Amino acid sequence: MRPVRLFIILFGLLPLAAAARGTYQTPQDFLAEAFDGQVPEARVLWLTGTRREQVKRILGHPYPALRVRYWLRGARSAWILDETGKDRPITFGVLVENGRLARIRVLVFRESRGAEIRHPFFTEQFEGLKLDPRLALDRSIDGISGATLSVRAMKKIAALALYLDTQVRGEHVPTSP
């Protein structure tokens, strides 16, 4: 292939990668949607002791903060959480209702590829998920070719939010090694 043509092809694709990055929904808008415009006060959950170890088990690495904020009203809890895809954090909004995942959204995507995870065709398969005794999602999620690391990040965050929801409700999660 001629160098000029290769240059055009390579640099012609850069805007497509950059277009995948961006804010798709602000955390405030996600919370307003989750709580029908009546957003409750933010609360804090400390990630210490056994809880910190379980979070590390779910993510495969320690969470970068000692506490997370959440919003709770009735049977609903909402979480704004970050997880790295390949190189950069992806910000997710997760709504848990009655111990099941009700909604997951990509709020801010910073990676160069894998943004397909933000589309409803993908996120809808998370609805109704719950945790199994291994602290994993109770059913499998179909992947997206070329977005493996972004998919993995979303699955980890879904499991994390479900686990954290049990913690704020004081529920015991039976776990197996």
N, C-alpha and C. Protein backbone atom coordinates (compact mmCIF):
# COMPACT_ATOMS: atom_id res chain seq x y z
N MET A 1 0.86 -1.18 0.00
CA MET A 1 0.00 0.00 0.00
C MET A 1 0.90 1.23 0.00
N ARG A 2 0.52 2.20 -0.75
CA ARG A 2 1.32 3.43 -0.85
C ARG A 2 1.28 4.20 0.46
N PRO A 3 2.41 4.82 0.84
CA PRO A 3 2.47 5.55 2.12
C PRO A 3 1.41 6.64 2.26
N VAL A 4 1.11 7.34 1.19
CA VAL A 4 0.12 8.42 1.27
C VAL A 4 -1.27 7.84 1.55
N ARG A 5 -1.58 6.75 0.88
CA ARG A 5 -2.90 6.12 1.07
C ARG A 5 -3.02 5.56 2.50
N LEU A 6 -1.96 4.92 2.98
CA LEU A 6 -1.95 4.40 4.34
C LEU A 6 -2.13 5.54 5.35
N PHE A 7 -1.47 6.66 5.13
CA PHE A 7 -1.59 7.83 5.99
C PHE A 7 -3.05 8.30 6.03
N ILE A 8 -3.67 8.37 4.89
CA ILE A 8 -5.06 8.83 4.81
C ILE A 8 -5.98 7.86 5.54
N ILE A 9 -5.76 6.56 5.36
CA ILE A 9 -6.60 5.58 6.02
C ILE A 9 -6.42 5.65 7.53
N LEU A 10 -5.18 5.65 7.99
CA LEU A 10 -4.93 5.67 9.43
C LEU A 10 -5.44 6.93 10.10
N PHE A 11 -5.15 8.06 9.53
CA PHE A 11 -5.56 9.30 10.16
C PHE A 11 -7.03 9.64 9.88
N GLY A 12 -7.59 9.02 8.88
CA GLY A 12 -9.02 9.17 8.64
C GLY A 12 -9.85 8.46 9.68
N LEU A 13 -9.27 7.43 10.34
CA LEU A 13 -9.99 6.69 11.36
C LEU A 13 -9.92 7.35 12.73
N LEU A 14 -8.96 8.22 12.95
CA LEU A 14 -8.82 8.86 14.26
C LEU A 14 -10.07 9.60 14.72
N PRO A 15 -10.74 10.34 13.86
CA PRO A 15 -11.96 11.01 14.33
C PRO A 15 -13.02 10.02 14.80
N LEU A 16 -13.07 8.82 14.21
CA LEU A 16 -14.05 7.83 14.66
C LEU A 16 -13.75 7.39 16.09
N ALA A 17 -12.49 7.17 16.40
CA ALA A 17 -12.11 6.77 17.75
C ALA A 17 -12.41 7.89 18.74
N ALA A 18 -12.09 9.10 18.37
CA ALA A 18 -12.35 10.24 19.25
C ALA A 18 -13.85 10.45 19.45
N ALA A 19 -14.65 10.13 18.42
CA ALA A 19 -16.09 10.32 18.52
C ALA A 19 -16.70 9.39 19.56
N ALA A 20 -16.05 8.24 19.82
CA ALA A 20 -16.57 7.30 20.82
C ALA A 20 -16.44 7.86 22.22
N ARG A 21 -15.47 8.71 22.45
CA ARG A 21 -15.26 9.29 23.77
C ARG A 21 -16.29 10.37 24.04
N GLY A 22 -16.65 10.51 25.30
CA GLY A 22 -17.53 11.61 25.62
C GLY A 22 -18.45 11.31 26.78
N THR A 23 -19.21 12.33 27.14
CA THR A 23 -20.20 12.21 28.19
C THR A 23 -21.54 11.92 27.53
N TYR A 24 -22.12 10.78 27.88
CA TYR A 24 -23.40 10.40 27.29
C TYR A 24 -24.56 10.78 28.18
N GLN A 25 -24.30 10.84 29.47
CA GLN A 25 -25.30 11.29 30.42
C GLN A 25 -24.55 11.76 31.67
N THR A 26 -24.96 12.88 32.22
CA THR A 26 -24.29 13.36 33.43
C THR A 26 -24.76 12.52 34.62
N PRO A 27 -23.93 12.41 35.63
CA PRO A 27 -24.38 11.71 36.84
C PRO A 27 -25.67 12.30 37.41
N GLN A 28 -25.80 13.62 37.38
CA GLN A 28 -27.01 14.26 37.91
C GLN A 28 -28.25 13.83 37.12
N ASP A 29 -28.12 13.77 35.79
CA ASP A 29 -29.26 13.34 34.97
C ASP A 29 -29.60 11.87 35.20
N PHE A 30 -28.57 11.04 35.36
CA PHE A 30 -28.81 9.62 35.65
C PHE A 30 -29.58 9.47 36.95
N LEU A 31 -29.15 10.19 37.98
CA LEU A 31 -29.81 10.10 39.28
C LEU A 31 -31.24 10.64 39.23
N ALA A 32 -31.44 11.73 38.51
CA ALA A 32 -32.79 12.28 38.37
C ALA A 32 -33.71 11.28 37.67
N GLU A 33 -33.18 10.62 36.66
CA GLU A 33 -33.96 9.59 35.94
C GLU A 33 -34.25 8.40 36.86
N ALA A 34 -33.25 7.99 37.64
CA ALA A 34 -33.40 6.82 38.52
C ALA A 34 -34.42 7.05 39.62
N PHE A 35 -34.54 8.30 40.08
CA PHE A 35 -35.42 8.59 41.21
C PHE A 35 -36.56 9.53 40.81
N ASP A 36 -36.94 9.50 39.55
CA ASP A 36 -38.08 10.29 39.06
C ASP A 36 -38.00 11.75 39.46
N GLY A 37 -36.81 12.32 39.36
CA GLY A 37 -36.61 13.74 39.63
C GLY A 37 -36.47 14.10 41.09
N GLN A 38 -36.67 13.17 41.99
CA GLN A 38 -36.59 13.41 43.44
C GLN A 38 -35.35 12.70 43.99
N VAL A 39 -34.17 13.24 43.71
CA VAL A 39 -32.91 12.59 44.10
C VAL A 39 -32.70 12.71 45.61
N PRO A 40 -32.53 11.57 46.29
CA PRO A 40 -32.27 11.62 47.73
C PRO A 40 -30.86 12.12 48.02
N GLU A 41 -30.61 12.42 49.28
CA GLU A 41 -29.27 12.85 49.71
C GLU A 41 -28.26 11.73 49.45
N ALA A 42 -27.06 12.13 49.06
CA ALA A 42 -25.99 11.15 48.88
C ALA A 42 -25.56 10.61 50.24
N ARG A 43 -25.22 9.33 50.25
CA ARG A 43 -24.69 8.68 51.44
C ARG A 43 -23.30 8.13 51.11
N VAL A 44 -22.59 7.69 52.13
CA VAL A 44 -21.24 7.18 51.94
C VAL A 44 -21.14 5.77 52.51
N LEU A 45 -20.52 4.88 51.76
CA LEU A 45 -20.23 3.53 52.22
C LEU A 45 -18.72 3.36 52.25
N TRP A 46 -18.19 3.01 53.42
CA TRP A 46 -16.75 2.82 53.57
C TRP A 46 -16.37 1.42 53.12
N LEU A 47 -15.28 1.34 52.39
CA LEU A 47 -14.77 0.06 51.89
C LEU A 47 -13.58 -0.35 52.77
N THR A 48 -13.90 -0.96 53.89
CA THR A 48 -12.87 -1.38 54.83
C THR A 48 -13.09 -2.84 55.21
N GLY A 49 -12.07 -3.44 55.80
CA GLY A 49 -12.18 -4.80 56.32
C GLY A 49 -12.61 -5.82 55.28
N THR A 50 -13.55 -6.67 55.68
CA THR A 50 -14.04 -7.74 54.80
C THR A 50 -14.67 -7.16 53.54
N ARG A 51 -15.36 -6.05 53.69
CA ARG A 51 -15.99 -5.42 52.52
C ARG A 51 -14.93 -5.06 51.48
N ARG A 52 -13.84 -4.50 51.91
CA ARG A 52 -12.76 -4.14 50.99
C ARG A 52 -12.21 -5.37 50.28
N GLU A 53 -12.06 -6.47 51.02
CA GLU A 53 -11.56 -7.72 50.42
C GLU A 53 -12.54 -8.28 49.39
N GLN A 54 -13.83 -8.20 49.69
CA GLN A 54 -14.84 -8.70 48.74
C GLN A 54 -14.87 -7.84 47.48
N VAL A 55 -14.71 -6.53 47.64
CA VAL A 55 -14.66 -5.63 46.49
C VAL A 55 -13.46 -5.98 45.62
N LYS A 56 -12.33 -6.23 46.25
CA LYS A 56 -11.13 -6.62 45.51
C LYS A 56 -11.36 -7.93 44.76
N ARG A 57 -12.05 -8.84 45.39
CA ARG A 57 -12.37 -10.13 44.76
C ARG A 57 -13.26 -9.94 43.52
N ILE A 58 -14.22 -9.07 43.63
CA ILE A 58 -15.14 -8.82 42.50
C ILE A 58 -14.40 -8.15 41.34
N LEU A 59 -13.61 -7.13 41.65
CA LEU A 59 -12.94 -6.36 40.60
C LEU A 59 -11.67 -7.00 40.08
N GLY A 60 -11.03 -7.81 40.93
CA GLY A 60 -9.74 -8.36 40.55
C GLY A 60 -8.59 -7.43 40.93
N HIS A 61 -8.90 -6.35 41.61
CA HIS A 61 -7.93 -5.37 42.08
C HIS A 61 -8.61 -4.51 43.14
N PRO A 62 -7.85 -3.82 43.99
CA PRO A 62 -8.48 -2.96 44.99
C PRO A 62 -9.21 -1.78 44.33
N TYR A 63 -10.32 -1.39 44.94
CA TYR A 63 -11.00 -0.18 44.46
C TYR A 63 -10.11 1.00 44.82
N PRO A 64 -10.00 2.00 43.95
CA PRO A 64 -9.04 3.09 44.19
C PRO A 64 -9.41 4.06 45.30
N ALA A 65 -10.57 3.91 45.90
CA ALA A 65 -10.99 4.82 46.97
C ALA A 65 -11.39 4.01 48.20
N LEU A 66 -11.41 4.67 49.36
CA LEU A 66 -11.81 4.01 50.59
C LEU A 66 -13.31 4.10 50.85
N ARG A 67 -13.98 4.90 50.05
CA ARG A 67 -15.42 5.05 50.22
C ARG A 67 -16.08 5.31 48.87
N VAL A 68 -17.36 4.99 48.80
CA VAL A 68 -18.14 5.27 47.60
C VAL A 68 -19.43 5.97 48.03
N ARG A 69 -19.89 6.84 47.15
CA ARG A 69 -21.17 7.51 47.40
C ARG A 69 -22.27 6.70 46.75
N TYR A 70 -23.44 6.77 47.36
CA TYR A 70 -24.61 6.10 46.80
C TYR A 70 -25.85 6.88 47.20
N TRP A 71 -26.94 6.56 46.52
CA TRP A 71 -28.22 7.21 46.77
C TRP A 71 -29.23 6.11 47.00
N LEU A 72 -30.06 6.28 48.02
CA LEU A 72 -30.98 5.22 48.42
C LEU A 72 -32.36 5.79 48.70
N ARG A 73 -33.36 5.15 48.13
CA ARG A 73 -34.76 5.48 48.45
C ARG A 73 -35.58 4.21 48.26
N GLY A 74 -36.23 3.82 49.31
CA GLY A 74 -37.07 2.61 49.23
C GLY A 74 -36.24 1.40 48.83
N ALA A 75 -36.67 0.71 47.80
CA ALA A 75 -36.00 -0.50 47.33
C ALA A 75 -34.91 -0.21 46.30
N ARG A 76 -34.66 1.08 46.03
CA ARG A 76 -33.69 1.46 45.00
C ARG A 76 -32.41 2.03 45.59
N SER A 77 -31.29 1.60 45.01
CA SER A 77 -30.01 2.25 45.30
C SER A 77 -29.35 2.57 43.97
N ALA A 78 -28.71 3.71 43.92
CA ALA A 78 -28.01 4.13 42.70
C ALA A 78 -26.54 4.35 43.03
N TRP A 79 -25.70 4.01 42.07
CA TRP A 79 -24.25 4.05 42.24
C TRP A 79 -23.62 4.69 41.03
N ILE A 80 -22.66 5.56 41.25
CA ILE A 80 -21.84 6.13 40.18
C ILE A 80 -20.43 5.59 40.43
N LEU A 81 -19.97 4.71 39.57
CA LEU A 81 -18.72 3.99 39.80
C LEU A 81 -17.85 4.02 38.55
N ASP A 82 -16.54 4.00 38.76
CA ASP A 82 -15.57 3.98 37.66
C ASP A 82 -14.84 2.64 37.63
N GLU A 83 -14.55 2.18 36.43
CA GLU A 83 -13.69 1.02 36.23
C GLU A 83 -12.92 1.23 34.94
N THR A 84 -11.66 0.84 34.94
CA THR A 84 -10.82 1.01 33.77
C THR A 84 -11.17 -0.05 32.74
N GLY A 85 -11.28 0.39 31.49
CA GLY A 85 -11.46 -0.54 30.38
C GLY A 85 -10.09 -1.07 30.00
N LYS A 86 -9.46 -0.43 29.02
CA LYS A 86 -8.10 -0.81 28.66
C LYS A 86 -7.10 0.08 29.40
N ASP A 87 -7.22 1.38 29.19
CA ASP A 87 -6.27 2.33 29.78
C ASP A 87 -6.91 3.42 30.62
N ARG A 88 -8.17 3.70 30.39
CA ARG A 88 -8.81 4.86 31.01
C ARG A 88 -10.09 4.46 31.73
N PRO A 89 -10.48 5.24 32.73
CA PRO A 89 -11.71 4.90 33.46
C PRO A 89 -12.96 5.15 32.62
N ILE A 90 -13.92 4.29 32.83
CA ILE A 90 -15.26 4.44 32.26
C ILE A 90 -16.16 4.70 33.46
N THR A 91 -16.99 5.73 33.39
CA THR A 91 -17.91 6.04 34.49
C THR A 91 -19.27 5.43 34.17
N PHE A 92 -19.77 4.64 35.11
CA PHE A 92 -21.06 3.96 34.96
C PHE A 92 -22.06 4.47 35.98
N GLY A 93 -23.30 4.49 35.61
CA GLY A 93 -24.40 4.69 36.53
C GLY A 93 -25.14 3.37 36.65
N VAL A 94 -25.38 2.91 37.87
CA VAL A 94 -26.03 1.62 38.08
C VAL A 94 -27.19 1.81 39.05
N LEU A 95 -28.33 1.28 38.68
CA LEU A 95 -29.52 1.32 39.53
C LEU A 95 -29.87 -0.11 39.92
N VAL A 96 -29.96 -0.34 41.23
CA VAL A 96 -30.32 -1.64 41.77
C VAL A 96 -31.68 -1.49 42.44
N GLU A 97 -32.57 -2.43 42.17
CA GLU A 97 -33.90 -2.39 42.79
C GLU A 97 -34.28 -3.79 43.25
N ASN A 98 -34.61 -3.90 44.53
CA ASN A 98 -34.96 -5.19 45.12
C ASN A 98 -33.89 -6.26 44.89
N GLY A 99 -32.63 -5.86 44.99
CA GLY A 99 -31.53 -6.81 44.85
C GLY A 99 -31.21 -7.24 43.44
N ARG A 100 -31.84 -6.62 42.46
CA ARG A 100 -31.59 -6.95 41.05
C ARG A 100 -31.18 -5.71 40.30
N LEU A 101 -30.37 -5.90 39.30
CA LEU A 101 -29.93 -4.77 38.50
C LEU A 101 -31.09 -4.27 37.64
N ALA A 102 -31.46 -3.03 37.84
CA ALA A 102 -32.58 -2.45 37.09
C ALA A 102 -32.11 -1.69 35.86
N ARG A 103 -30.92 -1.08 35.95
CA ARG A 103 -30.43 -0.26 34.84
C ARG A 103 -28.93 -0.06 35.00
N ILE A 104 -28.22 -0.08 33.87
CA ILE A 104 -26.81 0.28 33.87
C ILE A 104 -26.57 1.16 32.65
N ARG A 105 -25.85 2.24 32.86
CA ARG A 105 -25.58 3.20 31.79
C ARG A 105 -24.10 3.57 31.79
N VAL A 106 -23.57 3.78 30.59
CA VAL A 106 -22.25 4.39 30.46
C VAL A 106 -22.50 5.89 30.53
N LEU A 107 -21.94 6.53 31.53
CA LEU A 107 -22.11 7.98 31.66
C LEU A 107 -20.99 8.72 30.94
N VAL A 108 -19.75 8.32 31.19
CA VAL A 108 -18.61 8.96 30.55
C VAL A 108 -17.69 7.86 30.02
N PHE A 109 -17.38 7.95 28.74
CA PHE A 109 -16.50 6.96 28.10
C PHE A 109 -15.24 7.68 27.65
N ARG A 110 -14.09 7.17 28.08
CA ARG A 110 -12.82 7.84 27.80
C ARG A 110 -11.87 7.00 26.94
N GLU A 111 -12.23 5.76 26.64
CA GLU A 111 -11.38 4.87 25.85
C GLU A 111 -11.47 5.20 24.36
N SER A 112 -10.54 4.67 23.59
CA SER A 112 -10.55 4.91 22.14
C SER A 112 -11.45 3.92 21.41
N ARG A 113 -11.77 2.79 22.04
CA ARG A 113 -12.67 1.82 21.41
C ARG A 113 -13.49 1.11 22.48
N GLY A 114 -14.56 0.48 22.03
CA GLY A 114 -15.41 -0.25 22.95
C GLY A 114 -16.65 0.49 23.40
N ALA A 115 -16.91 1.66 22.83
CA ALA A 115 -18.06 2.47 23.26
C ALA A 115 -19.40 1.84 22.90
N GLU A 116 -19.39 0.77 22.14
CA GLU A 116 -20.65 0.09 21.79
C GLU A 116 -21.39 -0.39 23.04
N ILE A 117 -20.68 -0.53 24.15
CA ILE A 117 -21.33 -1.00 25.37
C ILE A 117 -22.38 -0.02 25.88
N ARG A 118 -22.39 1.18 25.37
CA ARG A 118 -23.35 2.18 25.85
C ARG A 118 -24.74 2.00 25.25
N HIS A 119 -24.85 1.24 24.20
CA HIS A 119 -26.13 1.10 23.48
C HIS A 119 -27.10 0.16 24.20
N PRO A 120 -28.40 0.47 24.11
CA PRO A 120 -29.41 -0.38 24.76
C PRO A 120 -29.36 -1.85 24.33
N PHE A 121 -28.99 -2.13 23.08
CA PHE A 121 -28.93 -3.54 22.66
C PHE A 121 -27.99 -4.33 23.56
N PHE A 122 -27.01 -3.66 24.14
CA PHE A 122 -26.07 -4.34 25.02
C PHE A 122 -26.49 -4.22 26.49
N THR A 123 -26.81 -3.02 26.94
CA THR A 123 -27.09 -2.80 28.37
C THR A 123 -28.36 -3.51 28.83
N GLU A 124 -29.32 -3.72 27.95
CA GLU A 124 -30.58 -4.34 28.35
C GLU A 124 -30.40 -5.77 28.85
N GLN A 125 -29.33 -6.45 28.41
CA GLN A 125 -29.14 -7.82 28.87
C GLN A 125 -28.73 -7.89 30.35
N PHE A 126 -28.37 -6.76 30.96
CA PHE A 126 -28.01 -6.72 32.37
C PHE A 126 -29.25 -6.63 33.27
N GLU A 127 -30.37 -6.20 32.72
CA GLU A 127 -31.57 -5.99 33.52
C GLU A 127 -32.03 -7.29 34.17
N GLY A 128 -32.30 -7.21 35.46
CA GLY A 128 -32.78 -8.36 36.21
C GLY A 128 -31.69 -9.24 36.79
N LEU A 129 -30.43 -8.94 36.50
CA LEU A 129 -29.33 -9.74 37.05
C LEU A 129 -29.25 -9.61 38.55
N LYS A 130 -28.76 -10.65 39.20
CA LYS A 130 -28.46 -10.60 40.62
C LYS A 130 -27.13 -11.32 40.84
N LEU A 131 -26.65 -11.30 42.06
CA LEU A 131 -25.39 -11.97 42.39
C LEU A 131 -25.63 -13.43 42.72
N ASP A 132 -24.66 -14.27 42.32
CA ASP A 132 -24.69 -15.65 42.77
C ASP A 132 -23.78 -15.77 43.99
N PRO A 133 -23.70 -16.93 44.62
CA PRO A 133 -22.88 -17.07 45.84
C PRO A 133 -21.38 -16.82 45.64
N ARG A 134 -20.91 -16.82 44.38
CA ARG A 134 -19.50 -16.54 44.12
C ARG A 134 -19.25 -15.05 43.94
N LEU A 135 -20.27 -14.22 44.17
CA LEU A 135 -20.22 -12.77 43.94
C LEU A 135 -20.04 -12.44 42.47
N ALA A 136 -20.59 -13.29 41.63
CA ALA A 136 -20.57 -13.08 40.18
C ALA A 136 -22.01 -12.88 39.71
N LEU A 137 -22.15 -12.37 38.50
CA LEU A 137 -23.49 -12.20 37.93
C LEU A 137 -24.11 -13.57 37.71
N ASP A 138 -25.43 -13.66 37.91
CA ASP A 138 -26.08 -14.97 37.88
C ASP A 138 -26.39 -15.51 36.49
N ARG A 139 -26.09 -14.75 35.46
CA ARG A 139 -26.19 -15.29 34.10
C ARG A 139 -25.14 -14.63 33.23
N SER A 140 -24.85 -15.27 32.13
CA SER A 140 -23.78 -14.77 31.27
C SER A 140 -24.26 -13.58 30.43
N ILE A 141 -23.29 -12.79 30.03
CA ILE A 141 -23.52 -11.61 29.21
C ILE A 141 -22.81 -11.82 27.88
N ASP A 142 -23.52 -11.60 26.79
CA ASP A 142 -22.89 -11.69 25.47
C ASP A 142 -21.91 -10.55 25.30
N GLY A 143 -20.75 -10.85 24.74
CA GLY A 143 -19.73 -9.84 24.52
C GLY A 143 -19.94 -9.10 23.20
N ILE A 144 -19.04 -8.18 22.94
CA ILE A 144 -19.03 -7.42 21.70
C ILE A 144 -17.61 -7.52 21.15
N SER A 145 -17.49 -8.00 19.95
CA SER A 145 -16.17 -8.12 19.33
C SER A 145 -15.52 -6.74 19.24
N GLY A 146 -14.28 -6.66 19.71
CA GLY A 146 -13.56 -5.39 19.69
C GLY A 146 -13.79 -4.54 20.92
N ALA A 147 -14.66 -4.99 21.83
CA ALA A 147 -14.96 -4.21 23.04
C ALA A 147 -14.79 -5.07 24.29
N THR A 148 -13.96 -6.08 24.21
CA THR A 148 -13.81 -7.05 25.30
C THR A 148 -13.50 -6.40 26.64
N LEU A 149 -12.57 -5.47 26.68
CA LEU A 149 -12.18 -4.86 27.95
C LEU A 149 -13.27 -3.94 28.50
N SER A 150 -13.98 -3.27 27.63
CA SER A 150 -15.10 -2.43 28.07
C SER A 150 -16.24 -3.29 28.61
N VAL A 151 -16.50 -4.41 27.94
CA VAL A 151 -17.53 -5.35 28.41
C VAL A 151 -17.15 -5.88 29.79
N ARG A 152 -15.90 -6.27 29.94
CA ARG A 152 -15.42 -6.80 31.22
C ARG A 152 -15.58 -5.75 32.32
N ALA A 153 -15.25 -4.50 32.01
CA ALA A 153 -15.40 -3.42 33.00
C ALA A 153 -16.86 -3.27 33.42
N MET A 154 -17.78 -3.33 32.46
CA MET A 154 -19.20 -3.17 32.80
C MET A 154 -19.69 -4.34 33.65
N LYS A 155 -19.26 -5.54 33.34
CA LYS A 155 -19.66 -6.70 34.13
C LYS A 155 -19.16 -6.60 35.56
N LYS A 156 -17.93 -6.15 35.73
CA LYS A 156 -17.38 -5.98 37.08
C LYS A 156 -18.17 -4.94 37.86
N ILE A 157 -18.48 -3.83 37.22
CA ILE A 157 -19.22 -2.77 37.91
C ILE A 157 -20.63 -3.21 38.25
N ALA A 158 -21.26 -3.98 37.38
CA ALA A 158 -22.60 -4.49 37.68
C ALA A 158 -22.56 -5.37 38.93
N ALA A 159 -21.59 -6.28 38.99
CA ALA A 159 -21.46 -7.15 40.17
C ALA A 159 -21.12 -6.33 41.41
N LEU A 160 -20.25 -5.34 41.26
CA LEU A 160 -19.88 -4.51 42.40
C LEU A 160 -21.09 -3.76 42.95
N ALA A 161 -21.88 -3.15 42.09
CA ALA A 161 -23.06 -2.41 42.56
C ALA A 161 -24.05 -3.34 43.26
N LEU A 162 -24.24 -4.53 42.73
CA LEU A 162 -25.14 -5.49 43.38
C LEU A 162 -24.62 -5.88 44.77
N TYR A 163 -23.32 -6.09 44.87
CA TYR A 163 -22.72 -6.42 46.17
C TYR A 163 -22.86 -5.24 47.14
N LEU A 164 -22.53 -4.05 46.69
CA LEU A 164 -22.61 -2.87 47.56
C LEU A 164 -24.04 -2.63 48.02
N ASP A 165 -25.01 -2.91 47.16
CA ASP A 165 -26.41 -2.78 47.54
C ASP A 165 -26.73 -3.69 48.73
N THR A 166 -26.21 -4.91 48.72
CA THR A 166 -26.44 -5.80 49.87
C THR A 166 -25.84 -5.23 51.13
N GLN A 167 -24.74 -4.53 51.00
CA GLN A 167 -24.05 -3.97 52.16
C GLN A 167 -24.83 -2.82 52.79
N VAL A 168 -25.44 -1.98 51.98
CA VAL A 168 -26.20 -0.86 52.55
C VAL A 168 -27.53 -1.32 53.12
N ARG A 169 -27.99 -2.45 52.69
CA ARG A 169 -29.24 -2.99 53.21
C ARG A 169 -29.02 -3.97 54.35
N GLY A 170 -27.75 -4.24 54.67
CA GLY A 170 -27.44 -5.15 55.77
C GLY A 170 -27.76 -6.60 55.45
N GLU A 171 -27.83 -6.93 54.18
CA GLU A 171 -28.15 -8.31 53.79
C GLU A 171 -26.87 -9.13 53.77
N HIS A 172 -27.01 -10.37 54.14
CA HIS A 172 -25.88 -11.30 54.11
C HIS A 172 -25.84 -11.94 52.73
N VAL A 173 -24.66 -11.92 52.13
CA VAL A 173 -24.49 -12.58 50.84
C VAL A 173 -23.69 -13.86 51.08
N PRO A 174 -24.35 -15.02 50.96
CA PRO A 174 -23.59 -16.25 51.15
C PRO A 174 -22.57 -16.39 50.02
N THR A 175 -21.31 -16.57 50.37
CA THR A 175 -20.28 -16.65 49.35
C THR A 175 -19.57 -17.99 49.41
N SER A 176 -19.10 -18.39 48.25
CA SER A 176 -18.28 -19.59 48.17
C SER A 176 -16.93 -19.16 47.64
N PRO A 177 -15.87 -19.87 48.02
CA PRO A 177 -14.51 -19.45 47.59
C PRO A 177 -14.29 -19.51 46.10
